[in-house]
Protein backbone atom coordinates (compact mmCIF):
# COMPACT_ATOMS: atom_id res chain seq x y z
CA MET A 1 -23.51 -19.18 2.61
CA GLY A 2 -21.35 -18.38 5.70
CA GLU A 3 -19.79 -15.01 6.46
CA HIS A 4 -16.43 -16.04 5.16
CA GLU A 5 -17.27 -18.51 2.37
CA GLU A 6 -17.13 -15.83 -0.21
CA LEU A 7 -13.43 -15.33 0.61
CA GLY A 8 -12.60 -18.76 -0.71
CA GLY A 9 -11.74 -20.79 2.29
CA ASP A 10 -11.39 -20.62 6.10
CA VAL A 11 -10.54 -17.24 7.49
CA PHE A 12 -6.86 -16.58 6.97
CA ALA A 13 -6.20 -20.15 5.71
CA ALA A 14 -3.69 -20.55 3.03
CA ASP A 15 -6.40 -20.43 0.30
CA CYS A 16 -8.35 -17.53 1.79
CA ARG A 17 -8.73 -14.57 -0.64
CA ALA A 18 -8.43 -12.16 2.32
CA ARG A 19 -4.77 -12.87 2.23
CA VAL A 20 -4.53 -11.14 -1.16
CA ALA A 21 -5.61 -7.88 0.47
CA PHE A 22 -3.03 -8.23 3.21
CA GLU A 23 -0.34 -9.03 0.71
CA VAL A 24 -1.32 -5.91 -1.36
CA LEU A 25 -1.16 -3.72 1.76
CA ALA A 26 2.00 -5.19 3.15
CA ASN A 27 4.42 -3.15 1.14
CA ARG A 28 4.39 0.30 2.63
CA TRP A 29 5.21 1.97 -0.68
CA ASP A 30 2.45 0.27 -2.55
CA SER A 31 -0.16 1.76 -0.21
CA VAL A 32 1.44 5.19 -0.38
CA VAL A 33 1.41 5.17 -4.25
CA VAL A 34 -2.31 4.04 -4.30
CA PHE A 35 -3.12 6.86 -1.79
CA VAL A 36 -1.23 9.58 -3.67
CA LEU A 37 -2.81 8.56 -6.99
CA GLY A 38 -6.23 8.51 -5.34
CA GLU A 39 -5.74 11.98 -3.95
CA ASN A 40 -4.18 13.54 -7.00
CA GLY A 41 -5.39 11.57 -10.07
CA PRO A 42 -3.20 10.35 -12.88
CA MET A 43 0.49 11.22 -12.39
CA ARG A 44 3.73 10.77 -14.15
CA PRO A 45 6.48 8.96 -12.32
CA ARG A 46 8.55 12.17 -11.63
CA ALA A 47 5.49 13.88 -10.13
CA LEU A 48 4.89 10.81 -7.87
CA LEU A 49 8.56 11.03 -6.76
CA ASP A 50 8.21 14.67 -5.88
CA ARG A 51 4.84 14.22 -4.10
CA ILE A 52 5.80 11.12 -2.10
CA GLY A 53 9.32 12.16 -1.09
CA GLY A 54 11.68 9.61 0.59
CA ILE A 55 11.25 7.08 -2.20
CA GLY A 56 13.85 6.48 -4.88
CA PRO A 57 13.09 5.95 -8.62
CA LYS A 58 13.87 2.25 -8.56
CA VAL A 59 11.61 1.63 -5.47
CA LEU A 60 8.85 3.66 -7.06
CA ASN A 61 9.18 1.75 -10.39
CA ASP A 62 9.04 -1.53 -8.47
CA ALA A 63 5.92 -0.49 -6.67
CA LEU A 64 4.29 0.74 -9.86
CA ARG A 65 5.07 -2.65 -11.62
CA ARG A 66 3.67 -4.60 -8.55
CA LEU A 67 0.54 -2.42 -8.52
CA GLU A 68 0.09 -2.88 -12.28
CA TYR A 69 0.63 -6.62 -11.93
CA ASN A 70 -2.06 -6.67 -9.16
CA GLY A 71 -4.51 -4.71 -11.37
CA LEU A 72 -4.48 -1.67 -9.05
CA VAL A 73 -2.93 0.84 -11.43
CA GLU A 74 -2.97 1.29 -15.13
CA ARG A 75 0.12 2.53 -17.02
CA ARG A 76 -0.86 4.80 -19.89
CA ARG A 77 1.54 5.62 -22.65
CA TYR A 78 1.07 8.62 -24.90
CA SER A 79 2.54 8.78 -28.39
CA GLU A 80 4.22 12.14 -27.99
CA ALA A 81 7.78 13.37 -28.49
CA PRO A 82 9.30 12.79 -26.08
CA PRO A 83 7.08 9.81 -24.95
CA ARG A 84 5.03 10.40 -21.90
CA VAL A 85 3.79 7.85 -19.39
CA ASP A 86 1.38 8.29 -16.42
CA TYR A 87 -0.31 6.06 -13.98
CA THR A 88 -3.91 6.06 -12.81
CA LEU A 89 -5.86 3.91 -10.39
CA THR A 90 -8.12 1.16 -11.67
CA GLU A 91 -11.47 0.42 -10.14
CA ALA A 92 -9.89 -2.04 -7.76
CA GLY A 93 -7.27 0.58 -6.90
CA PHE A 94 -9.93 3.20 -6.02
CA ALA A 95 -11.72 0.67 -3.88
CA LEU A 96 -8.46 0.03 -2.00
CA LEU A 97 -8.57 3.60 -0.74
CA VAL A 98 -11.24 2.72 1.72
CA PRO A 99 -9.15 0.31 3.73
CA ILE A 100 -5.98 2.49 3.32
CA ARG A 101 -7.89 5.45 4.74
CA ALA A 102 -9.20 3.21 7.57
CA MET A 103 -5.61 2.22 8.34
CA GLY A 104 -4.60 5.91 8.40
CA THR A 105 -7.34 6.62 10.95
CA TRP A 106 -6.22 3.71 12.98
CA ALA A 107 -2.56 4.86 12.83
CA ALA A 108 -3.58 8.42 13.84
CA ARG A 109 -5.26 7.06 16.88
CA TYR A 110 -2.86 4.19 17.88
CA ALA A 111 0.55 4.92 16.54
CA ASP A 112 1.76 6.48 19.75
CA THR A 113 0.48 3.46 21.73
CA VAL A 114 2.26 1.07 19.38
CA LEU A 115 5.56 3.08 19.50
CA ALA A 116 5.41 3.33 23.31
CA SER A 117 4.87 -0.38 23.54
CA GLN A 118 7.85 -1.10 21.17
CA ASP A 119 10.00 1.22 23.37
CA ARG A 120 8.91 -0.63 26.60
CA VAL A 121 9.70 -4.07 25.13
CA ALA A 122 12.99 -2.90 23.64
CA ALA A 123 13.99 -1.45 27.08
CA ARG A 124 13.12 -4.71 28.80
CA ARG A 125 15.18 -6.69 26.39
CA ALA A 126 18.14 -4.37 26.88
CA LEU A 127 18.21 -5.10 30.62
CA PRO A 128 20.85 -7.60 31.77
CA VAL A 129 19.31 -10.93 32.79
CA ASP A 130 20.48 -12.30 36.19
């Protein structure tokens, strides 16, 4: 079996399972929610809002629904008065912490390089063309 056959197709082809991982990581808030749940354990939506900061309730709710749909978080309802809901990572969600942390390490090392490159290209594009 070739190195990429277990991914279900040619590398990065339309049917490649590796694309699933990139799609899951593509939304910045989804990765942040997974990271925060991984670092803090099960949390209620209000606690997630407070811990993350900069995210609105609707955006958080959308992220939690996407993550639940993708099998990365589990929504747990408690029969209490008033009703209580919290979210926890599934096994797949916990496993996603490895690449998320790797991306964080990459960002810590190369974010300044990327931002400097963006500034250089933007400055070049702003120059008038003769």
